[in-house]
Structure formats: C-alpha cells, structure tokens
PDB file of all heavy atoms in Angstrom:
ATOM      1  N   ILE A   1       0.856  -1.171   0.010  1.00  0.00           N
ATOM      2  CA  ILE A   1      -0.018   0.013  -0.012  1.00  0.00           C
ATOM      3  C   ILE A   1       0.864   1.241  -0.042  1.00  0.00           C
ATOM      4  O   ILE A   1       0.603   2.216  -0.729  1.00  0.00           O
ATOM      5  CB  ILE A   1      -0.996  -0.037   1.196  1.00  0.00           C
ATOM      6  CG1 ILE A   1      -1.910  -1.220   1.129  1.00  0.00           C
ATOM      7  CG2 ILE A   1      -1.743   1.322   1.347  1.00  0.00           C
ATOM      8  CD1 ILE A   1      -2.690  -1.450   2.405  1.00  0.00           C
ATOM      9  N   ALA A   2       1.892   1.275   0.846  1.00  0.00           N
ATOM     10  CA  ALA A   2       2.825   2.367   0.910  1.00  0.00           C
ATOM     11  C   ALA A   2       3.492   2.619  -0.391  1.00  0.00           C
ATOM     12  O   ALA A   2       3.592   3.765  -0.915  1.00  0.00           O
ATOM     13  CB  ALA A   2       3.854   2.184   2.046  1.00  0.00           C
ATOM     14  N   ALA A   3       3.980   1.566  -1.048  1.00  0.00           N
ATOM     15  CA  ALA A   3       4.703   1.680  -2.414  1.00  0.00           C
ATOM     16  C   ALA A   3       3.745   2.272  -3.418  1.00  0.00           C
ATOM     17  O   ALA A   3       4.085   3.097  -4.221  1.00  0.00           O
ATOM     18  CB  ALA A   3       5.303   0.396  -2.757  1.00  0.00           C
ATOM     19  N   ARG A   4       2.514   1.728  -3.380  1.00  0.00           N
ATOM     20  CA  ARG A   4       1.522   2.146  -4.488  1.00  0.00           C
ATOM     21  C   ARG A   4       1.120   3.619  -4.307  1.00  0.00           C
ATOM     22  O   ARG A   4       0.953   4.329  -5.223  1.00  0.00           O
ATOM     23  CB  ARG A   4       0.309   1.293  -4.374  1.00  0.00           C
ATOM     24  CG  ARG A   4      -0.869   1.706  -5.253  1.00  0.00           C
ATOM     25  CD  ARG A   4      -1.916   0.610  -5.357  1.00  0.00           C
ATOM     26  NE  ARG A   4      -2.442   0.264  -4.067  1.00  0.00           N
ATOM     27  CZ  ARG A   4      -3.394   0.940  -3.426  1.00  0.00           C
ATOM     28  NH1 ARG A   4      -3.884   2.073  -3.927  1.00  0.00           N
ATOM     29  NH2 ARG A   4      -3.865   0.502  -2.200  1.00  0.00           N
ATOM     30  N   LYS A   5       1.086   4.102  -3.070  1.00  0.00           N
ATOM     31  CA  LYS A   5       0.634   5.468  -2.826  1.00  0.00           C
ATOM     32  C   LYS A   5       1.855   6.438  -2.690  1.00  0.00           C
ATOM     33  O   LYS A   5       1.615   7.665  -2.526  1.00  0.00           O
ATOM     34  CB  LYS A   5      -0.142   5.563  -1.493  1.00  0.00           C
ATOM     35  CG  LYS A   5      -1.515   4.830  -1.648  1.00  0.00           C
ATOM     36  CD  LYS A   5      -2.388   5.206  -0.476  1.00  0.00           C
ATOM     37  CE  LYS A   5      -3.780   4.659  -0.704  1.00  0.00           C
ATOM     38  NZ  LYS A   5      -4.733   5.172   0.351  1.00  0.00           N
ATOM     39  N   GLY A   6       3.071   5.913  -2.741  1.00  0.00           N
ATOM     40  CA  GLY A   6       4.229   6.777  -2.619  1.00  0.00           C
ATOM     41  C   GLY A   6       4.385   7.336  -1.190  1.00  0.00           C
ATOM     42  O   GLY A   6       4.911   8.438  -1.028  1.00  0.00           O
ATOM     43  N   LEU A   7       4.005   6.589  -0.238  1.00  0.00           N
ATOM     44  CA  LEU A   7       4.111   6.982   1.213  1.00  0.00           C
ATOM     45  C   LEU A   7       5.152   6.095   1.925  1.00  0.00           C
ATOM     46  O   LEU A   7       5.509   5.040   1.432  1.00  0.00           O
ATOM     47  CB  LEU A   7       2.780   6.844   1.894  1.00  0.00           C
ATOM     48  CG  LEU A   7       1.614   7.671   1.273  1.00  0.00           C
ATOM     49  CD1 LEU A   7       0.313   7.291   2.042  1.00  0.00           C
ATOM     50  CD2 LEU A   7       1.899   9.169   1.394  1.00  0.00           C
ATOM     51  N   SER A   8       5.576   6.552   3.061  1.00  0.00           N
ATOM     52  CA  SER A   8       6.432   5.674   3.837  1.00  0.00           C
ATOM     53  C   SER A   8       5.559   4.677   4.638  1.00  0.00           C
ATOM     54  O   SER A   8       4.385   4.912   4.833  1.00  0.00           O
ATOM     55  CB  SER A   8       7.231   6.461   4.892  1.00  0.00           C
ATOM     56  OG  SER A   8       6.341   7.129   5.870  1.00  0.00           O
ATOM     57  N   VAL A   9       6.141   3.576   4.943  1.00  0.00           N
ATOM     58  CA  VAL A   9       5.407   2.545   5.755  1.00  0.00           C
ATOM     59  C   VAL A   9       5.018   3.071   7.063  1.00  0.00           C
ATOM     60  O   VAL A   9       3.950   2.789   7.644  1.00  0.00           O
ATOM     61  CB  VAL A   9       6.262   1.242   5.922  1.00  0.00           C
ATOM     62  CG1 VAL A   9       5.552   0.239   6.882  1.00  0.00           C
ATOM     63  CG2 VAL A   9       6.510   0.613   4.536  1.00  0.00           C
ATOM     64  N   HIS A  10       5.815   3.999   7.674  1.00  0.00           N
ATOM     65  CA  HIS A  10       5.548   4.608   8.976  1.00  0.00           C
ATOM     66  C   HIS A  10       4.223   5.477   8.861  1.00  0.00           C
ATOM     67  O   HIS A  10       3.384   5.367   9.752  1.00  0.00           O
ATOM     68  CB  HIS A  10       6.702   5.544   9.340  1.00  0.00           C
ATOM     69  CG  HIS A  10       6.410   6.359  10.636  1.00  0.00           C
ATOM     70  ND1 HIS A  10       6.455   5.766  11.818  1.00  0.00           N
ATOM     71  CD2 HIS A  10       6.124   7.690  10.787  1.00  0.00           C
ATOM     72  CE1 HIS A  10       6.201   6.677  12.787  1.00  0.00           C
ATOM     73  NE2 HIS A  10       6.011   7.784  12.195  1.00  0.00           N
ATOM     74  N   THR A  11       4.031   6.232   7.767  1.00  0.00           N
ATOM     75  CA  THR A  11       2.850   6.954   7.527  1.00  0.00           C
ATOM     76  C   THR A  11       1.608   6.050   7.522  1.00  0.00           C
ATOM     77  O   THR A  11       0.545   6.319   8.065  1.00  0.00           O
ATOM     78  CB  THR A  11       2.867   7.823   6.335  1.00  0.00           C
ATOM     79  OG1 THR A  11       3.970   8.730   6.386  1.00  0.00           O
ATOM     80  CG2 THR A  11       1.633   8.550   6.061  1.00  0.00           C
ATOM     81  N   VAL A  12       1.752   4.981   6.727  1.00  0.00           N
ATOM     82  CA  VAL A  12       0.637   3.983   6.539  1.00  0.00           C
ATOM     83  C   VAL A  12       0.315   3.362   7.909  1.00  0.00           C
ATOM     84  O   VAL A  12      -0.882   3.138   8.272  1.00  0.00           O
ATOM     85  CB  VAL A  12       0.959   3.012   5.450  1.00  0.00           C
ATOM     86  CG1 VAL A  12      -0.154   1.954   5.427  1.00  0.00           C
ATOM     87  CG2 VAL A  12       1.163   3.666   4.168  1.00  0.00           C
ATOM     88  N   ARG A  13       1.313   3.090   8.742  1.00  0.00           N
ATOM     89  CA  ARG A  13       1.028   2.475  10.050  1.00  0.00           C
ATOM     90  C   ARG A  13       0.316   3.428  10.950  1.00  0.00           C
ATOM     91  O   ARG A  13      -0.584   3.067  11.733  1.00  0.00           O
ATOM     92  CB  ARG A  13       2.360   2.083  10.717  1.00  0.00           C
ATOM     93  CG  ARG A  13       3.038   0.839  10.153  1.00  0.00           C
ATOM     94  CD  ARG A  13       4.180   0.384  10.977  1.00  0.00           C
ATOM     95  NE  ARG A  13       4.935  -0.703  10.284  1.00  0.00           N
ATOM     96  CZ  ARG A  13       4.522  -1.937  10.296  1.00  0.00           C
ATOM     97  NH1 ARG A  13       3.414  -2.341  10.944  1.00  0.00           N
ATOM     98  NH2 ARG A  13       5.249  -2.897   9.698  1.00  0.00           N
ATOM     99  N   ASN A  14       0.640   4.720  10.875  1.00  0.00           N
ATOM    100  CA  ASN A  14      -0.098   5.696  11.575  1.00  0.00           C
ATOM    101  C   ASN A  14      -1.620   5.741  11.198  1.00  0.00           C
ATOM    102  O   ASN A  14      -2.468   5.887  12.050  1.00  0.00           O
ATOM    103  CB  ASN A  14       0.570   7.099  11.488  1.00  0.00           C
ATOM    104  CG  ASN A  14       1.804   7.226  12.265  1.00  0.00           C
ATOM    105  OD1 ASN A  14       2.053   6.511  13.259  1.00  0.00           O
ATOM    106  ND2 ASN A  14       2.732   8.184  11.855  1.00  0.00           N
ATOM    107  N   GLN A  15      -1.837   5.757   9.883  1.00  0.00           N
ATOM    108  CA  GLN A  15      -3.207   5.632   9.443  1.00  0.00           C
ATOM    109  C   GLN A  15      -3.912   4.406   9.943  1.00  0.00           C
ATOM    110  O   GLN A  15      -5.106   4.475  10.337  1.00  0.00           O
ATOM    111  CB  GLN A  15      -3.217   5.670   7.913  1.00  0.00           C
ATOM    112  CG  GLN A  15      -2.812   7.006   7.265  1.00  0.00           C
ATOM    113  CD  GLN A  15      -2.837   6.938   5.751  1.00  0.00           C
ATOM    114  OE1 GLN A  15      -2.903   5.895   5.182  1.00  0.00           O
ATOM    115  NE2 GLN A  15      -2.807   8.085   5.103  1.00  0.00           N
ATOM    116  N   LEU A  16      -3.199   3.341   9.984  1.00  0.00           N
ATOM    117  CA  LEU A  16      -3.854   2.050  10.472  1.00  0.00           C
ATOM    118  C   LEU A  16      -4.177   2.220  11.938  1.00  0.00           C
ATOM    119  O   LEU A  16      -5.230   1.710  12.375  1.00  0.00           O
ATOM    120  CB  LEU A  16      -2.889   0.900  10.261  1.00  0.00           C
ATOM    121  CG  LEU A  16      -3.383  -0.463  10.667  1.00  0.00           C
ATOM    122  CD1 LEU A  16      -4.645  -0.818   9.930  1.00  0.00           C
ATOM    123  CD2 LEU A  16      -2.285  -1.525  10.433  1.00  0.00           C
ATOM    124  N   ARG A  17      -3.353   2.867  12.760  1.00  0.00           N
ATOM    125  CA  ARG A  17      -3.667   3.005  14.180  1.00  0.00           C
ATOM    126  C   ARG A  17      -4.933   3.781  14.377  1.00  0.00           C
ATOM    127  O   ARG A  17      -5.789   3.396  15.253  1.00  0.00           O
ATOM    128  CB  ARG A  17      -2.430   3.728  14.895  1.00  0.00           C
ATOM    129  CG  ARG A  17      -1.224   2.863  15.037  1.00  0.00           C
ATOM    130  CD  ARG A  17      -0.199   3.478  15.944  1.00  0.00           C
ATOM    131  NE  ARG A  17       1.083   2.798  15.961  1.00  0.00           N
ATOM    132  CZ  ARG A  17       2.084   3.210  15.164  1.00  0.00           C
ATOM    133  NH1 ARG A  17       2.045   4.238  14.368  1.00  0.00           N
ATOM    134  NH2 ARG A  17       3.200   2.485  15.225  1.00  0.00           N
ATOM    135  N   THR A  18      -5.122   4.866  13.645  1.00  0.00           N
ATOM    136  CA  THR A  18      -6.361   5.632  13.797  1.00  0.00           C
ATOM    137  C   THR A  18      -7.531   4.857  13.251  1.00  0.00           C
ATOM    138  O   THR A  18      -8.630   5.013  13.807  1.00  0.00           O
ATOM    139  CB  THR A  18      -6.215   6.970  13.022  1.00  0.00           C
ATOM    140  OG1 THR A  18      -5.985   6.732  11.623  1.00  0.00           O
ATOM    141  CG2 THR A  18      -5.114   7.842  13.570  1.00  0.00           C
ATOM    142  N   THR A  19      -7.326   4.041  12.199  1.00  0.00           N
ATOM    143  CA  THR A  19      -8.409   3.197  11.674  1.00  0.00           C
ATOM    144  C   THR A  19      -8.812   2.124  12.747  1.00  0.00           C
ATOM    145  O   THR A  19      -9.993   1.942  13.017  1.00  0.00           O
ATOM    146  CB  THR A  19      -7.959   2.510  10.401  1.00  0.00           C
ATOM    147  OG1 THR A  19      -7.581   3.467   9.424  1.00  0.00           O
ATOM    148  CG2 THR A  19      -9.071   1.691   9.842  1.00  0.00           C
ATOM    149  N   PHE A  20      -7.828   1.544  13.405  1.00  0.00           N
ATOM    150  CA  PHE A  20      -8.107   0.579  14.515  1.00  0.00           C
ATOM    151  C   PHE A  20      -8.903   1.289  15.588  1.00  0.00           C
ATOM    152  O   PHE A  20      -9.936   0.748  16.075  1.00  0.00           O
ATOM    153  CB  PHE A  20      -6.835   0.097  15.084  1.00  0.00           C
ATOM    154  CG  PHE A  20      -6.150  -0.987  14.332  1.00  0.00           C
ATOM    155  CD1 PHE A  20      -4.765  -1.240  14.522  1.00  0.00           C
ATOM    156  CD2 PHE A  20      -6.831  -1.751  13.415  1.00  0.00           C
ATOM    157  CE1 PHE A  20      -4.143  -2.290  13.845  1.00  0.00           C
ATOM    158  CE2 PHE A  20      -6.148  -2.750  12.647  1.00  0.00           C
ATOM    159  CZ  PHE A  20      -4.862  -3.012  12.896  1.00  0.00           C
ATOM    160  N   ALA A  21      -8.562   2.453  16.003  1.00  0.00           N
ATOM    161  CA  ALA A  21      -9.214   3.155  17.082  1.00  0.00           C
ATOM    162  C   ALA A  21     -10.659   3.482  16.752  1.00  0.00           C
ATOM    163  O   ALA A  21     -11.578   3.329  17.589  1.00  0.00           O
ATOM    164  CB  ALA A  21      -8.432   4.432  17.445  1.00  0.00           C
ATOM    165  N   LYS A  22     -10.896   3.940  15.493  1.00  0.00           N
ATOM    166  CA  LYS A  22     -12.259   4.329  15.067  1.00  0.00           C
ATOM    167  C   LYS A  22     -13.228   3.117  14.934  1.00  0.00           C
ATOM    168  O   LYS A  22     -14.403   3.149  15.103  1.00  0.00           O
ATOM    169  CB  LYS A  22     -12.253   5.114  13.828  1.00  0.00           C
ATOM    170  CG  LYS A  22     -11.625   6.477  13.988  1.00  0.00           C
ATOM    171  CD  LYS A  22     -11.586   7.267  12.619  1.00  0.00           C
ATOM    172  CE  LYS A  22     -10.978   8.649  12.833  1.00  0.00           C
ATOM    173  NZ  LYS A  22     -11.012   9.389  11.506  1.00  0.00           N
ATOM    174  N   THR A  23     -12.593   1.994  14.507  1.00  0.00           N
ATOM    175  CA  THR A  23     -13.425   0.777  14.304  1.00  0.00           C
ATOM    176  C   THR A  23     -13.437  -0.184  15.435  1.00  0.00           C
ATOM    177  O   THR A  23     -14.068  -1.225  15.406  1.00  0.00           O
ATOM    178  CB  THR A  23     -12.863   0.021  13.059  1.00  0.00           C
ATOM    179  OG1 THR A  23     -11.450  -0.307  13.264  1.00  0.00           O
ATOM    180  CG2 THR A  23     -13.002   0.875  11.768  1.00  0.00           C
ATOM    181  N   HIS A  24     -12.729   0.202  16.528  1.00  0.00           N
ATOM    182  CA  HIS A  24     -12.715  -0.658  17.724  1.00  0.00           C
ATOM    183  C   HIS A  24     -12.125  -2.027  17.453  1.00  0.00           C
ATOM    184  O   HIS A  24     -12.580  -3.017  17.981  1.00  0.00           O
ATOM    185  CB  HIS A  24     -14.079  -0.749  18.355  1.00  0.00           C
ATOM    186  CG  HIS A  24     -14.753   0.539  18.619  1.00  0.00           C
ATOM    187  ND1 HIS A  24     -14.305   1.496  19.587  1.00  0.00           N
ATOM    188  CD2 HIS A  24     -15.787   1.124  17.954  1.00  0.00           C
ATOM    189  CE1 HIS A  24     -15.082   2.554  19.526  1.00  0.00           C
ATOM    190  NE2 HIS A  24     -15.980   2.343  18.587  1.00  0.00           N
ATOM    191  N   THR A  25     -11.096  -2.005  16.580  1.00  0.00           N
ATOM    192  CA  THR A  25     -10.387  -3.254  16.292  1.00  0.00           C
ATOM    193  C   THR A  25      -8.926  -3.067  16.752  1.00  0.00           C
ATOM    194  O   THR A  25      -8.456  -1.931  16.979  1.00  0.00           O
ATOM    195  CB  THR A  25     -10.424  -3.638  14.813  1.00  0.00           C
ATOM    196  OG1 THR A  25      -9.874  -2.456  14.040  1.00  0.00           O
ATOM    197  CG2 THR A  25     -11.823  -3.914  14.310  1.00  0.00           C
ATOM    198  N   HIS A  26      -8.122  -4.200  16.788  1.00  0.00           N
ATOM    199  CA  HIS A  26      -6.782  -4.105  17.273  1.00  0.00           C
ATOM    200  C   HIS A  26      -5.812  -4.803  16.343  1.00  0.00           C
ATOM    201  O   HIS A  26      -4.571  -4.639  16.504  1.00  0.00           O
ATOM    202  CB  HIS A  26      -6.706  -4.765  18.709  1.00  0.00           C
ATOM    203  CG  HIS A  26      -7.670  -4.130  19.645  1.00  0.00           C
ATOM    204  ND1 HIS A  26      -7.429  -2.973  20.264  1.00  0.00           N
ATOM    205  CD2 HIS A  26      -8.830  -4.593  20.167  1.00  0.00           C
ATOM    206  CE1 HIS A  26      -8.433  -2.657  21.130  1.00  0.00           C
ATOM    207  NE2 HIS A  26      -9.311  -3.637  21.053  1.00  0.00           N
ATOM    208  N   ARG A  27      -6.286  -5.634  15.447  1.00  0.00           N
ATOM    209  CA  ARG A  27      -5.410  -6.381  14.551  1.00  0.00           C
ATOM    210  C   ARG A  27      -5.992  -6.339  13.133  1.00  0.00           C
ATOM    211  O   ARG A  27      -7.187  -6.056  12.938  1.00  0.00           O
ATOM    212  CB  ARG A  27      -5.406  -7.865  14.898  1.00  0.00           C
ATOM    213  CG  ARG A  27      -4.681  -8.081  16.295  1.00  0.00           C
ATOM    214  CD  ARG A  27      -3.199  -7.911  16.231  1.00  0.00           C
ATOM    215  NE  ARG A  27      -2.490  -8.262  17.452  1.00  0.00           N
ATOM    216  CZ  ARG A  27      -2.353  -7.466  18.469  1.00  0.00           C
ATOM    217  NH1 ARG A  27      -2.757  -6.176  18.434  1.00  0.00           N
ATOM    218  NH2 ARG A  27      -1.704  -7.886  19.584  1.00  0.00           N
ATOM    219  N   GLN A  28      -5.125  -6.487  12.138  1.00  0.00           N
ATOM    220  CA  GLN A  28      -5.579  -6.407  10.734  1.00  0.00           C
ATOM    221  C   GLN A  28      -6.642  -7.424  10.427  1.00  0.00           C
ATOM    222  O   GLN A  28      -7.623  -7.129   9.717  1.00  0.00           O
ATOM    223  CB  GLN A  28      -4.335  -6.589   9.810  1.00  0.00           C
ATOM    224  CG  GLN A  28      -3.361  -5.408   9.809  1.00  0.00           C
ATOM    225  CD  GLN A  28      -2.218  -5.564   8.800  1.00  0.00           C
ATOM    226  OE1 GLN A  28      -2.480  -6.186   7.713  1.00  0.00           O
ATOM    227  NE2 GLN A  28      -1.082  -5.090   9.151  1.00  0.00           N
ATOM    228  N   HIS A  29      -6.512  -8.627  10.935  1.00  0.00           N
ATOM    229  CA  HIS A  29      -7.472  -9.681  10.670  1.00  0.00           C
ATOM    230  C   HIS A  29      -8.857  -9.295  11.211  1.00  0.00           C
ATOM    231  O   HIS A  29      -9.892  -9.703  10.683  1.00  0.00           O
ATOM    232  CB  HIS A  29      -7.020 -11.054  11.148  1.00  0.00           C
ATOM    233  CG  HIS A  29      -7.029 -11.218  12.654  1.00  0.00           C
ATOM    234  ND1 HIS A  29      -8.149 -11.599  13.370  1.00  0.00           N
ATOM    235  CD2 HIS A  29      -6.053 -10.953  13.610  1.00  0.00           C
ATOM    236  CE1 HIS A  29      -7.900 -11.608  14.668  1.00  0.00           C
ATOM    237  NE2 HIS A  29      -6.608 -11.303  14.854  1.00  0.00           N
ATOM    238  N   GLN A  30      -8.878  -8.555  12.346  1.00  0.00           N
ATOM    239  CA  GLN A  30     -10.137  -8.069  12.899  1.00  0.00           C
ATOM    240  C   GLN A  30     -10.781  -7.069  12.044  1.00  0.00           C
ATOM    241  O   GLN A  30     -12.064  -7.045  11.830  1.00  0.00           O
ATOM    242  CB  GLN A  30      -9.944  -7.542  14.350  1.00  0.00           C
ATOM    243  CG  GLN A  30      -9.495  -8.599  15.353  1.00  0.00           C
ATOM    244  CD  GLN A  30      -9.144  -7.964  16.674  1.00  0.00           C
ATOM    245  OE1 GLN A  30      -8.743  -6.763  16.751  1.00  0.00           O
ATOM    246  NE2 GLN A  30      -9.299  -8.695  17.753  1.00  0.00           N
ATOM    247  N   LEU A  31      -9.991  -6.188  11.457  1.00  0.00           N
ATOM    248  CA  LEU A  31     -10.463  -5.181  10.511  1.00  0.00           C
ATOM    249  C   LEU A  31     -11.071  -5.793   9.305  1.00  0.00           C
ATOM    250  O   LEU A  31     -12.193  -5.390   8.835  1.00  0.00           O
ATOM    251  CB  LEU A  31      -9.384  -4.156  10.208  1.00  0.00           C
ATOM    252  CG  LEU A  31      -9.696  -3.004   9.220  1.00  0.00           C
ATOM    253  CD1 LEU A  31     -10.845  -2.123   9.831  1.00  0.00           C
ATOM    254  CD2 LEU A  31      -8.490  -2.139   8.965  1.00  0.00           C
TER     255      LEU A  31
END
C-alpha cells in the first residue's frame, strides 16, 4: 500500500492506528 501510494510505511502504520481506534479493532485480521 505504501509503495503504491508513494508513502512511507511509517505513515501508513499511523493511518492504520487511527483506523483501529475508530473501528474498535486491534489487529488487521479483525479489521
């Protein structure tokens, strides 16, 4: 995802953390 969007993996991980928080999930498989 990071490579396709031209972002760092760190930026994508930060987006994932906020996504987890908003959806009340904690792991990718839960999302």
